Protein backbone atom coordinates (compact mmCIF):
# COMPACT_ATOMS: atom_id res chain seq x y z
CA MET A 1 -102.85 75.57 66.24
CA MET A 2 -101.21 74.43 63.02
CA THR A 3 -103.61 74.24 60.10
CA ARG A 4 -104.03 70.69 58.82
CA THR A 5 -104.86 69.80 55.23
CA MET A 6 -106.27 66.53 53.92
CA ASP A 7 -106.97 65.35 50.39
CA ILE A 8 -109.94 63.11 49.58
CA ASN A 9 -109.57 60.98 46.47
CA SER A 10 -111.72 58.53 44.58
CA ASP A 11 -111.36 56.06 41.71
CA VAL A 12 -113.65 57.27 38.94
CA GLY A 13 -114.44 56.77 35.27
CA GLU A 14 -114.93 53.07 35.88
CA ARG A 15 -118.69 52.74 35.45
CA PRO A 16 -120.62 54.17 32.48
CA GLU A 17 -123.87 53.97 34.44
CA ALA A 18 -122.46 56.28 37.12
CA LEU A 19 -121.69 58.90 34.50
CA ALA A 20 -125.12 58.46 32.93
CA ASP A 21 -127.19 58.81 36.11
CA GLY A 22 -125.20 61.68 37.62
CA SER A 23 -123.84 59.75 40.60
CA GLU A 24 -120.27 60.16 39.34
CA GLU A 25 -120.68 63.93 39.27
CA ARG A 26 -122.14 63.93 42.79
CA LEU A 27 -119.07 62.03 43.97
CA ILE A 28 -116.60 64.28 42.16
CA ARG A 29 -118.17 67.32 43.85
CA GLN A 30 -117.12 65.93 47.23
CA ILE A 31 -113.49 64.98 46.50
CA THR A 32 -110.31 66.89 45.78
CA SER A 33 -108.37 64.35 43.68
CA ALA A 34 -109.66 61.90 41.08
CA ASN A 35 -108.00 58.71 39.87
CA ILE A 36 -109.36 58.17 36.37
CA ALA A 37 -109.57 54.71 34.83
CA CYS A 38 -107.51 54.85 31.65
CA GLY A 39 -108.23 51.67 29.74
CA GLY A 40 -106.66 48.83 31.69
CA HIS A 41 -109.56 47.63 33.81
CA ALA A 42 -112.14 50.17 32.65
CA GLY A 43 -112.50 53.46 30.82
CA ASP A 44 -112.14 54.70 27.27
CA ASP A 45 -111.50 58.00 25.51
CA GLU A 46 -115.08 59.15 26.00
CA SER A 47 -115.24 58.39 29.72
CA MET A 48 -111.80 59.85 30.38
CA THR A 49 -112.76 63.07 28.61
CA ARG A 50 -116.10 63.39 30.40
CA VAL A 51 -114.60 62.79 33.82
CA MET A 52 -111.75 65.25 33.26
CA LYS A 53 -114.24 67.93 32.27
CA LEU A 54 -116.17 67.28 35.49
CA CYS A 55 -112.96 67.48 37.50
CA ALA A 56 -112.09 70.80 35.88
CA SER A 57 -115.55 72.14 36.71
CA TYR A 58 -115.16 71.37 40.43
CA GLY A 59 -111.46 72.11 40.87
CA VAL A 60 -110.55 68.47 41.40
CA GLY A 61 -106.98 67.30 40.76
CA ILE A 62 -106.68 64.90 37.83
CA GLY A 63 -104.83 61.62 38.16
CA ALA A 64 -104.37 58.42 36.15
CA HIS A 65 -105.57 55.07 37.48
CA PRO A 66 -103.72 52.37 35.52
CA SER A 67 -104.15 48.67 36.22
CA TYR A 68 -103.24 45.30 34.92
CA PRO A 69 -104.77 45.00 31.42
CA ASP A 70 -107.71 43.03 32.77
CA ARG A 71 -111.23 44.13 31.97
CA GLU A 72 -112.65 40.67 32.62
CA PHE A 73 -111.81 40.76 36.32
CA PHE A 74 -111.85 44.56 36.69
CA GLY A 75 -108.12 44.61 37.43
CA ARG A 76 -108.61 42.82 40.73
CA LYS A 77 -106.82 39.60 39.80
CA ASP A 78 -103.03 39.17 39.80
CA MET A 79 -101.50 38.71 36.37
CA ASP A 80 -98.24 37.00 35.45
CA MET A 81 -96.44 39.81 33.63
CA THR A 82 -92.77 40.65 33.22
CA SER A 83 -91.44 43.96 34.49
CA ASN A 84 -91.19 45.24 30.92
CA GLN A 85 -94.78 44.26 30.22
CA ILE A 86 -96.00 46.07 33.33
CA SER A 87 -93.99 49.18 32.47
CA GLU A 88 -95.27 49.22 28.89
CA SER A 89 -98.90 48.73 29.94
CA VAL A 90 -98.71 51.48 32.57
CA TYR A 91 -97.01 53.82 30.10
CA ARG A 92 -99.66 53.28 27.42
CA GLN A 93 -102.54 53.84 29.82
CA ILE A 94 -101.14 56.99 31.40
CA SER A 95 -99.87 58.53 28.18
CA ARG A 96 -103.33 58.29 26.65
CA LEU A 97 -104.91 60.14 29.57
CA VAL A 98 -102.16 62.76 29.42
CA GLU A 99 -102.73 63.20 25.69
CA LEU A 100 -106.48 63.65 26.14
CA ALA A 101 -105.92 66.04 29.04
CA ALA A 102 -103.58 68.19 26.94
CA GLY A 103 -106.26 68.47 24.28
CA LEU A 104 -108.58 69.92 26.93
CA GLY A 105 -105.93 72.28 28.28
CA LEU A 106 -105.70 70.24 31.49
CA GLU A 107 -102.83 68.61 33.35
CA VAL A 108 -102.53 65.18 34.92
CA ARG A 109 -100.83 65.57 38.30
CA HIS A 110 -100.64 62.10 39.81
CA VAL A 111 -100.84 58.35 39.24
CA LYS A 112 -102.47 55.77 41.50
CA PRO A 113 -102.32 52.11 40.45
CA HIS A 114 -105.56 50.14 40.64
CA GLY A 115 -106.64 46.95 42.32
CA ALA A 116 -104.29 43.99 42.16
CA LEU A 117 -101.52 46.10 40.62
CA TYR A 118 -101.74 48.51 43.59
CA ASN A 119 -101.74 45.72 46.17
CA THR A 120 -98.89 43.83 44.52
CA ALA A 121 -96.76 46.96 44.22
CA ALA A 122 -97.29 47.63 47.92
CA LYS A 123 -95.37 44.47 48.81
CA ASP A 124 -93.32 43.59 45.72
CA GLU A 125 -90.32 45.73 44.84
CA ARG A 126 -90.14 44.48 41.25
CA THR A 127 -93.70 45.55 40.51
CA ALA A 128 -93.32 48.92 42.24
CA LEU A 129 -90.18 49.64 40.24
CA ALA A 130 -91.79 48.52 36.97
CA ILE A 131 -94.65 50.95 37.57
CA ALA A 132 -92.21 53.77 38.26
CA LEU A 133 -90.20 53.09 35.10
CA GLY A 134 -93.35 53.11 33.00
CA ILE A 135 -94.43 56.43 34.47
CA ALA A 136 -90.94 57.89 34.04
CA ARG A 137 -91.42 57.65 30.28
CA VAL A 138 -94.27 60.14 30.68
CA GLY A 139 -92.51 62.34 33.24
CA ARG A 140 -91.25 62.40 36.80
CA LYS A 141 -93.37 65.44 37.68
CA LEU A 142 -96.26 63.03 38.21
CA ALA A 143 -96.74 62.09 41.86
CA LEU A 144 -97.30 58.43 42.74
CA VAL A 145 -100.01 57.45 45.23
CA GLY A 146 -99.57 54.24 47.19
CA LEU A 147 -100.46 52.40 50.36
CA ALA A 148 -99.32 54.17 53.52
CA ASN A 149 -96.36 52.44 55.19
CA SER A 150 -95.64 50.27 52.14
CA PRO A 151 -92.13 49.82 50.70
CA ALA A 152 -93.44 51.08 47.34
CA LEU A 153 -93.35 54.66 48.62
CA ASN A 154 -89.62 54.44 49.36
CA ILE A 155 -88.91 52.85 45.99
CA TRP A 156 -90.75 55.62 44.18
CA GLN A 157 -88.94 58.30 46.13
CA LYS A 158 -85.61 56.73 45.20
CA GLU A 159 -86.72 57.00 41.58
CA ALA A 160 -87.13 60.77 42.09
CA PHE A 161 -90.92 60.81 42.29
CA THR A 162 -93.07 62.54 44.87
CA ALA A 163 -94.71 59.68 46.76
CA ILE A 164 -98.10 60.28 48.38
CA ALA A 165 -99.17 58.01 51.24
CA GLU A 166 -102.79 56.87 51.01
CA ALA A 167 -105.18 55.46 53.59
CA PHE A 168 -108.71 54.18 53.08
CA ALA A 169 -111.90 55.40 54.67
CA ASP A 170 -114.14 52.74 53.16
CA ARG A 171 -111.92 49.66 53.62
CA ARG A 172 -111.03 47.68 56.70
CA TYR A 173 -107.44 46.84 57.57
CA GLU A 174 -105.68 43.67 58.64
CA SER A 175 -103.41 43.82 61.68
CA ASP A 176 -100.31 44.05 59.44
CA GLY A 177 -101.63 47.23 57.80
CA SER A 178 -102.73 45.57 54.56
CA LEU A 179 -106.24 45.96 53.21
CA ARG A 180 -108.74 43.26 54.09
CA SER A 181 -109.47 41.15 51.03
CA ARG A 182 -112.71 41.85 49.24
CA ARG A 183 -113.57 38.16 49.51
CA PHE A 184 -114.61 38.90 53.10
CA GLU A 185 -118.05 40.44 53.63
CA ASP A 186 -116.71 43.01 56.07
CA ALA A 187 -113.96 44.31 53.76
CA LEU A 188 -115.98 47.38 52.79
CA ILE A 189 -117.28 50.12 55.05
CA THR A 190 -120.51 51.41 53.51
CA ASP A 191 -121.92 53.32 56.50
CA PRO A 192 -121.03 57.02 56.01
CA GLU A 193 -120.73 57.57 59.76
CA LEU A 194 -118.37 54.64 60.28
CA ALA A 195 -116.28 55.64 57.27
CA SER A 196 -116.06 59.25 58.43
CA GLN A 197 -114.96 58.19 61.92
CA GLN A 198 -112.22 55.99 60.46
CA ALA A 199 -111.17 58.88 58.22
CA LEU A 200 -111.03 61.25 61.20
CA GLN A 201 -109.06 58.79 63.28
CA ILE A 202 -106.50 58.42 60.49
CA ALA A 203 -106.29 62.14 59.69
CA ARG A 204 -106.26 63.44 63.26
CA ASP A 205 -104.58 60.65 65.20
CA GLY A 206 -102.53 58.85 62.55
CA ARG A 207 -104.01 55.49 63.37
CA ALA A 208 -106.83 53.06 62.60
CA LEU A 209 -108.21 49.90 64.16
CA SER A 210 -107.72 46.63 62.34
CA VAL A 211 -110.35 43.90 62.10
CA THR A 212 -108.69 42.24 65.10
CA GLY A 213 -108.88 45.41 67.17
CA LYS A 214 -105.15 46.06 66.91
CA GLU A 215 -104.21 49.71 66.44
CA ILE A 216 -102.30 50.46 63.21
CA VAL A 217 -100.15 53.54 62.75
CA LEU A 218 -101.10 55.28 59.49
CA THR A 219 -99.62 58.55 58.31
CA ALA A 220 -101.47 59.59 55.16
CA GLN A 221 -101.73 62.62 52.91
CA THR A 222 -104.83 61.42 51.11
CA LEU A 223 -107.92 59.41 52.01
CA CYS A 224 -109.69 57.21 49.47
CA VAL A 225 -113.36 56.47 48.94
CA HIS A 226 -113.82 53.96 46.12
CA GLY A 227 -116.16 55.12 43.39
CA ASP A 228 -117.87 51.74 43.24
CA THR A 229 -118.54 51.54 46.98
CA PRO A 230 -122.32 51.75 47.49
CA GLY A 231 -123.24 55.31 48.49
CA SER A 232 -119.76 56.62 47.72
CA ALA A 233 -120.91 60.22 47.21
CA ALA A 234 -122.68 60.27 50.58
CA ILE A 235 -119.64 58.69 52.24
CA ALA A 236 -117.26 61.25 50.74
CA GLY A 237 -119.60 64.09 51.66
CA ARG A 238 -119.83 62.94 55.26
CA ILE A 239 -116.04 62.59 55.50
CA ARG A 240 -115.61 66.08 54.15
CA ARG A 241 -118.02 67.52 56.71
CA VAL A 242 -116.53 65.65 59.67
CA LEU A 243 -112.97 66.61 58.80
CA THR A 244 -113.94 70.24 58.23
CA GLU A 245 -115.75 70.34 61.57
CA ASN A 246 -112.55 69.09 63.18
CA GLY A 247 -110.39 71.85 61.75
CA PHE A 248 -109.14 70.32 58.53
CA ILE A 249 -108.85 72.14 55.22
CA ILE A 250 -109.94 69.81 52.42
CA ALA A 251 -107.66 70.39 49.43
CA PRO A 252 -105.56 68.48 46.88
CA PHE A 253 -102.27 67.15 48.21
CA THR A 254 -99.19 69.23 47.42
CA LEU A 255 -96.64 68.04 44.88
CA GLU A 256 -93.62 69.34 46.75
CA GLY A 257 -91.02 66.65 47.44
């Protein structure tokens, strides 16, 4: 039987209280890739540095998590920005994380947009390209993580980036493969068992059930558990155990093209 590998990622460095009470560290221990808030919707030099040190301690791949420059709405509201403005904002956020990482002797390996920027890029070519051009100023060795099956992945590949397809263990899907809006009460999956079963279905079978019961085809190289989902560390831990029990090796995604 062919050995199967799956990456588990999480968005971190977004909540000072999670760093203070140790819950961020408990989450990082369970994942293999971290998307670190780098100033757009959350995060500052101190939080970025602390989270990168934790990642280094547990062998977790370091990534940047840029967003619209929107702390008021936590990067979850669309903003009217030109392509140049998006590129410049993404560049500034990522370059700061890269600079701090270099000072620690660490390397940033990937970029995953956050919130509204992520969702808009998944369906809007202009936004996806603007993100890529901003990242290109830092370097094309950085992989880009985006929604599985979205046009953004093809756009990023055309721009000579490694594109990593992502699926979500703690979010429900619409029948068209998009994420269910957070305005709905059932958008989040907070039960570790339910999240782990969705993760297994995606990883093993390449599919998931939408909120309508329709089966969605999802081929993903990484599974996300949001850092601000209640019980995120327990959810990630359960996913890791279930996937391991089903023959998966849990490891960072490869950066080969």
